[in-house]
Amino acid sequence: METPTCKCCLNQTTRFVGHIDFNKTCMDRFGPRVFPVSDVQVPYYSCQNCGFVFTDMMDTWSKQQFSENIYNTDYSKADAPTPGYENKSVRESISYQNGINLIKSLDGSEKEIRVLDYGAGGNPGATGLAFLDHGFELFSYEPHLSDTNSLPEGIFEFIYAIEVVEHCHNLEDLGTQICQKLSLDGIFYVQTLLHPFPTPDNVLNSWYISPRNGHISIFTFQSLVILFRRYGINIVQTIHGVIGFTNKPIFKNNFLI
């Protein structure tokens, strides 16, 4: 069986690991399935060189196809609030608190930097709202839920992508856009659930590998490093999370000291 090239390391070292029905969601782990089992079976592959797990089923989809099949009116059922947060206000949400935590790591640099929320989930999303509330110059980019694919103009000293990269099927576009928009002394913060490497045989049992959520690119730390190295961005693990940079940042922050 011919398998696709790995999208991270570009090696021909992928293997087929199995199918998942299209309607599997991340919310299914909390109780009964959100949607019935689908007849559509989604193939996933794993790279034996870097551990990247992915499907190529959506590689040729248009934005309209993503909107019709994944990011439609039922998407909120697949990506519902974490139990216990259903009736919380935006400023009480986990996403808003994520913003507060990032702001703490930026150590009072609100007058020094421009911030890009890559994959914002709104204009702004809840995380971006926290930045705006604390005086940052923030711009939002949401390719799937907006009418435009255009990134905001200019470069940014801080770009964050929270639960975004796993939704990206075109990793060349992802790497190119981050490279073009990140300043040479900027920080790229990325949050996604990293999976183990080597790939375990039961990897598809992971609740995170859920096509109906749009989780089509599942990273290991190794695969993130290899992918962004192609675009001149160094990926490192810090106590504050995974970040990328080209040169050491000169603005105030607690990510790299």
Protein backbone atom coordinates (compact mmCIF):
# COMPACT_ATOMS: atom_id res chain seq x y z
CA MET A 1 0.00 0.00 0.00
CA GLU A 2 1.46 3.35 -1.07
CA THR A 3 1.41 5.91 1.72
CA PRO A 4 1.72 9.71 1.51
CA THR A 5 4.89 11.67 2.20
CA CYS A 6 5.24 13.02 5.73
CA LYS A 7 4.21 16.68 5.79
CA CYS A 8 6.75 17.56 8.50
CA CYS A 9 10.02 15.84 7.60
CA LEU A 10 9.11 15.17 3.92
CA ASN A 11 10.32 11.57 4.20
CA GLN A 12 8.72 8.57 2.54
CA THR A 13 8.62 6.78 5.88
CA THR A 14 4.92 6.80 6.69
CA ARG A 15 2.78 3.80 7.50
CA PHE A 16 -0.98 3.32 7.58
CA VAL A 17 -2.22 3.10 11.18
CA GLY A 18 -5.97 2.71 10.64
CA HIS A 19 -9.31 4.39 10.04
CA ILE A 20 -11.49 6.53 12.29
CA ASP A 21 -15.11 7.23 11.52
CA PHE A 22 -15.59 10.84 10.48
CA ASN A 23 -18.05 11.66 13.28
CA LYS A 24 -15.66 10.95 16.17
CA THR A 25 -15.34 14.06 18.38
CA CYS A 26 -13.18 15.09 21.31
CA MET A 27 -16.34 15.44 23.41
CA ASP A 28 -17.07 11.71 23.11
CA ARG A 29 -14.65 11.04 25.97
CA PHE A 30 -17.04 12.69 28.44
CA GLY A 31 -19.96 10.36 27.82
CA PRO A 32 -22.19 9.15 24.97
CA ARG A 33 -21.09 9.97 21.43
CA VAL A 34 -22.13 13.39 20.16
CA PHE A 35 -22.90 12.11 16.65
CA PRO A 36 -23.79 8.65 15.36
CA VAL A 37 -21.08 6.54 13.76
CA SER A 38 -20.39 7.74 10.23
CA ASP A 39 -20.09 5.57 7.15
CA VAL A 40 -17.15 7.78 6.11
CA GLN A 41 -13.88 6.24 7.30
CA VAL A 42 -10.90 8.59 7.60
CA PRO A 43 -7.43 7.06 7.01
CA TYR A 44 -4.56 8.11 9.28
CA TYR A 45 -0.84 7.62 8.76
CA SER A 46 2.18 7.86 11.03
CA CYS A 47 5.71 8.89 10.11
CA GLN A 48 8.32 6.49 11.43
CA ASN A 49 10.98 9.22 11.25
CA CYS A 50 9.32 12.01 13.30
CA GLY A 51 6.06 10.54 14.62
CA PHE A 52 3.70 12.94 12.84
CA VAL A 53 0.19 11.40 12.60
CA PHE A 54 -2.11 12.73 9.91
CA THR A 55 -4.79 12.16 7.33
CA ASP A 56 -4.58 13.34 3.74
CA MET A 57 -8.32 12.94 3.12
CA MET A 58 -8.95 16.70 3.32
CA ASP A 59 -5.84 17.83 1.45
CA THR A 60 -7.79 18.88 -1.63
CA TRP A 61 -10.83 20.27 0.18
CA SER A 62 -11.89 23.84 -0.51
CA LYS A 63 -12.76 26.29 2.24
CA GLN A 64 -16.41 25.67 1.38
CA GLN A 65 -16.00 21.92 1.91
CA PHE A 66 -14.45 22.51 5.33
CA SER A 67 -17.34 24.83 6.18
CA GLU A 68 -19.97 22.36 5.01
CA ASN A 69 -18.49 19.23 6.57
CA ILE A 70 -16.67 20.37 9.71
CA TYR A 71 -17.05 24.04 10.63
CA ASN A 72 -20.81 24.11 10.16
CA THR A 73 -23.70 24.87 12.54
CA ASP A 74 -23.13 21.58 14.38
CA TYR A 75 -19.45 22.29 15.07
CA SER A 76 -20.26 23.72 18.49
CA LYS A 77 -21.45 20.24 19.51
CA ALA A 78 -18.07 18.75 18.64
CA ASP A 79 -16.18 21.60 20.32
CA ALA A 80 -18.47 22.35 23.23
CA PRO A 81 -17.27 24.06 26.43
CA THR A 82 -15.46 21.86 28.93
CA PRO A 83 -17.98 20.40 31.40
CA GLY A 84 -18.46 22.88 34.22
CA TYR A 85 -17.89 25.91 31.98
CA GLU A 86 -21.09 25.77 29.93
CA ASN A 87 -22.69 28.81 31.56
CA LYS A 88 -19.57 30.88 32.21
CA SER A 89 -19.13 34.33 30.69
CA VAL A 90 -16.38 34.94 28.14
CA ARG A 91 -14.11 36.46 30.76
CA GLU A 92 -14.60 33.40 32.98
CA SER A 93 -13.72 30.96 30.20
CA ILE A 94 -10.64 28.75 29.96
CA SER A 95 -9.64 30.55 26.76
CA TYR A 96 -9.70 33.95 28.48
CA GLN A 97 -7.57 32.52 31.32
CA ASN A 98 -5.13 31.21 28.70
CA GLY A 99 -4.73 34.79 27.58
CA ILE A 100 -4.09 35.97 31.14
CA ASN A 101 -1.40 33.31 31.58
CA LEU A 102 0.32 34.33 28.34
CA ILE A 103 0.19 37.97 29.36
CA LYS A 104 1.97 37.12 32.61
CA SER A 105 4.74 35.48 30.58
CA LEU A 106 5.08 38.62 28.46
CA ASP A 107 6.10 40.55 31.58
CA GLY A 108 4.60 43.97 30.95
CA SER A 109 5.59 44.31 27.29
CA GLU A 110 2.19 45.60 26.12
CA LYS A 111 3.64 48.89 24.86
CA GLU A 112 6.50 47.20 23.00
CA ILE A 113 4.93 44.51 20.82
CA ARG A 114 2.24 43.69 18.29
CA VAL A 115 0.36 40.42 18.90
CA LEU A 116 -1.28 38.08 16.37
CA ASP A 117 -3.89 35.54 17.44
CA TYR A 118 -3.42 32.92 14.71
CA GLY A 119 -6.62 30.86 14.46
CA ALA A 120 -8.49 33.15 16.82
CA GLY A 121 -11.94 31.56 16.76
CA GLY A 122 -13.42 35.07 16.58
CA ASN A 123 -12.55 38.70 16.06
CA PRO A 124 -11.37 38.68 18.74
CA GLY A 125 -11.67 35.28 20.37
CA ALA A 126 -11.76 34.95 24.14
CA THR A 127 -7.97 34.72 24.41
CA GLY A 128 -7.53 37.81 22.28
CA LEU A 129 -10.05 39.67 24.40
CA ALA A 130 -7.78 39.18 27.41
CA PHE A 131 -4.93 40.82 25.49
CA LEU A 132 -7.12 43.75 24.47
CA ASP A 133 -8.35 44.14 28.04
CA HIS A 134 -4.71 44.46 29.16
CA GLY A 135 -3.70 47.09 26.62
CA PHE A 136 -1.99 45.02 23.93
CA GLU A 137 -2.20 45.82 20.23
CA LEU A 138 -3.82 42.60 19.08
CA PHE A 139 -4.90 41.37 15.66
CA SER A 140 -6.97 38.25 14.92
CA TYR A 141 -6.74 35.76 12.08
CA GLU A 142 -9.32 33.02 11.67
CA PRO A 143 -9.11 31.21 8.32
CA HIS A 144 -12.05 28.84 8.77
CA LEU A 145 -14.62 31.02 10.49
CA SER A 146 -14.18 34.30 8.62
CA ASP A 147 -14.91 35.55 5.11
CA THR A 148 -11.27 36.23 4.31
CA ASN A 149 -8.04 34.27 4.21
CA SER A 150 -5.96 37.44 4.44
CA LEU A 151 -3.53 37.79 7.30
CA PRO A 152 -3.27 41.19 9.01
CA GLU A 153 -0.58 43.45 7.56
CA GLY A 154 2.84 43.90 9.10
CA ILE A 155 4.97 41.73 11.33
CA PHE A 156 4.40 40.69 14.93
CA GLU A 157 6.66 40.27 17.92
CA PHE A 158 4.35 37.68 19.46
CA ILE A 159 2.20 35.16 17.58
CA TYR A 160 0.23 32.51 19.39
CA ALA A 161 -1.66 29.51 18.00
CA ILE A 162 -3.71 27.79 20.70
CA GLU A 163 -5.33 24.53 19.57
CA VAL A 164 -4.84 25.53 15.94
CA VAL A 165 -2.03 23.61 14.23
CA GLU A 166 -3.87 20.29 14.57
CA HIS A 167 -6.54 21.77 12.26
CA CYS A 168 -4.05 22.62 9.49
CA HIS A 169 -3.87 20.30 6.50
CA ASN A 170 -1.43 22.44 4.49
CA LEU A 171 1.68 22.66 6.65
CA GLU A 172 3.60 24.55 3.97
CA ASP A 173 1.08 27.38 4.26
CA LEU A 174 1.29 27.22 8.06
CA GLY A 175 5.09 27.39 8.15
CA THR A 176 5.27 30.09 5.48
CA GLN A 177 2.69 32.32 7.16
CA ILE A 178 4.31 32.11 10.60
CA CYS A 179 7.73 32.75 9.07
CA GLN A 180 6.48 35.78 7.13
CA LYS A 181 4.61 37.33 10.04
CA LEU A 182 6.98 36.64 12.94
CA SER A 183 9.59 39.32 13.56
CA LEU A 184 13.22 38.18 13.54
CA ASP A 185 13.33 38.63 17.31
CA GLY A 186 9.76 37.52 17.97
CA ILE A 187 8.18 34.58 19.79
CA PHE A 188 5.77 32.02 18.34
CA TYR A 189 3.77 30.25 21.05
CA VAL A 190 2.08 27.01 20.00
CA GLN A 191 -0.27 24.90 22.07
CA THR A 192 -1.43 21.51 20.83
CA LEU A 193 -1.55 18.08 22.45
CA LEU A 194 1.78 16.49 21.57
CA HIS A 195 1.72 12.73 21.09
CA PRO A 196 4.47 10.22 21.97
CA PHE A 197 7.22 9.11 19.62
CA PRO A 198 7.70 6.37 18.50
CA THR A 199 4.03 6.12 17.61
CA PRO A 200 2.22 3.55 19.79
CA ASP A 201 0.18 0.91 17.99
CA ASN A 202 -3.01 2.15 19.67
CA VAL A 203 -2.47 5.83 18.79
CA LEU A 204 -5.91 6.12 17.17
CA ASN A 205 -7.47 5.49 20.59
CA SER A 206 -6.38 9.02 21.51
CA TRP A 207 -9.41 11.19 22.22
CA TYR A 208 -7.57 14.02 20.46
CA ILE A 209 -7.52 12.34 17.05
CA SER A 210 -11.07 13.30 16.11
CA PRO A 211 -11.91 14.13 12.50
CA ARG A 212 -15.23 15.84 13.30
CA ASN A 213 -13.29 18.40 15.35
CA GLY A 214 -11.00 18.99 12.39
CA HIS A 215 -8.06 17.35 14.17
CA ILE A 216 -6.25 16.13 11.10
CA SER A 217 -2.58 16.88 11.95
CA ILE A 218 -1.31 15.35 15.18
CA PHE A 219 2.18 16.41 16.21
CA THR A 220 4.99 15.02 18.30
CA PHE A 221 7.59 17.43 19.67
CA GLN A 222 10.06 16.03 17.13
CA SER A 223 7.73 16.71 14.20
CA LEU A 224 7.13 20.31 15.31
CA VAL A 225 10.88 20.90 15.57
CA ILE A 226 11.53 19.44 12.12
CA LEU A 227 8.64 21.28 10.45
CA PHE A 228 9.50 24.77 11.68
CA ARG A 229 13.25 24.29 11.25
CA ARG A 230 12.50 24.32 7.52
CA TYR A 231 11.31 27.92 7.98
CA GLY A 232 14.17 29.12 10.14
CA ILE A 233 12.24 28.90 13.42
CA ASN A 234 13.70 27.06 16.40
CA ILE A 235 11.14 25.15 18.49
CA VAL A 236 11.97 24.65 22.17
CA GLN A 237 10.14 23.45 25.27
CA THR A 238 10.06 25.92 28.17
CA ILE A 239 8.37 25.84 31.56
CA HIS A 240 5.75 28.14 30.02
CA GLY A 241 5.07 25.89 27.03
CA VAL A 242 6.35 25.26 23.52
CA ILE A 243 7.70 28.32 21.69
CA GLY A 244 9.51 29.12 18.47
CA PHE A 245 11.95 31.91 17.64
CA THR A 246 14.62 32.85 15.11
CA ASN A 247 16.74 35.16 17.25
CA LYS A 248 16.55 35.68 20.99
CA PRO A 249 13.73 38.15 21.72
CA ILE A 250 14.74 41.59 22.95
CA PHE A 251 11.38 42.61 24.41
CA LYS A 252 10.42 41.82 27.99
CA ASN A 253 9.25 38.23 28.49
CA ASN A 254 9.64 35.25 30.80
CA PHE A 255 9.76 32.60 28.05
CA LEU A 256 13.48 33.01 27.40
CA ILE A 257 15.55 34.62 30.11
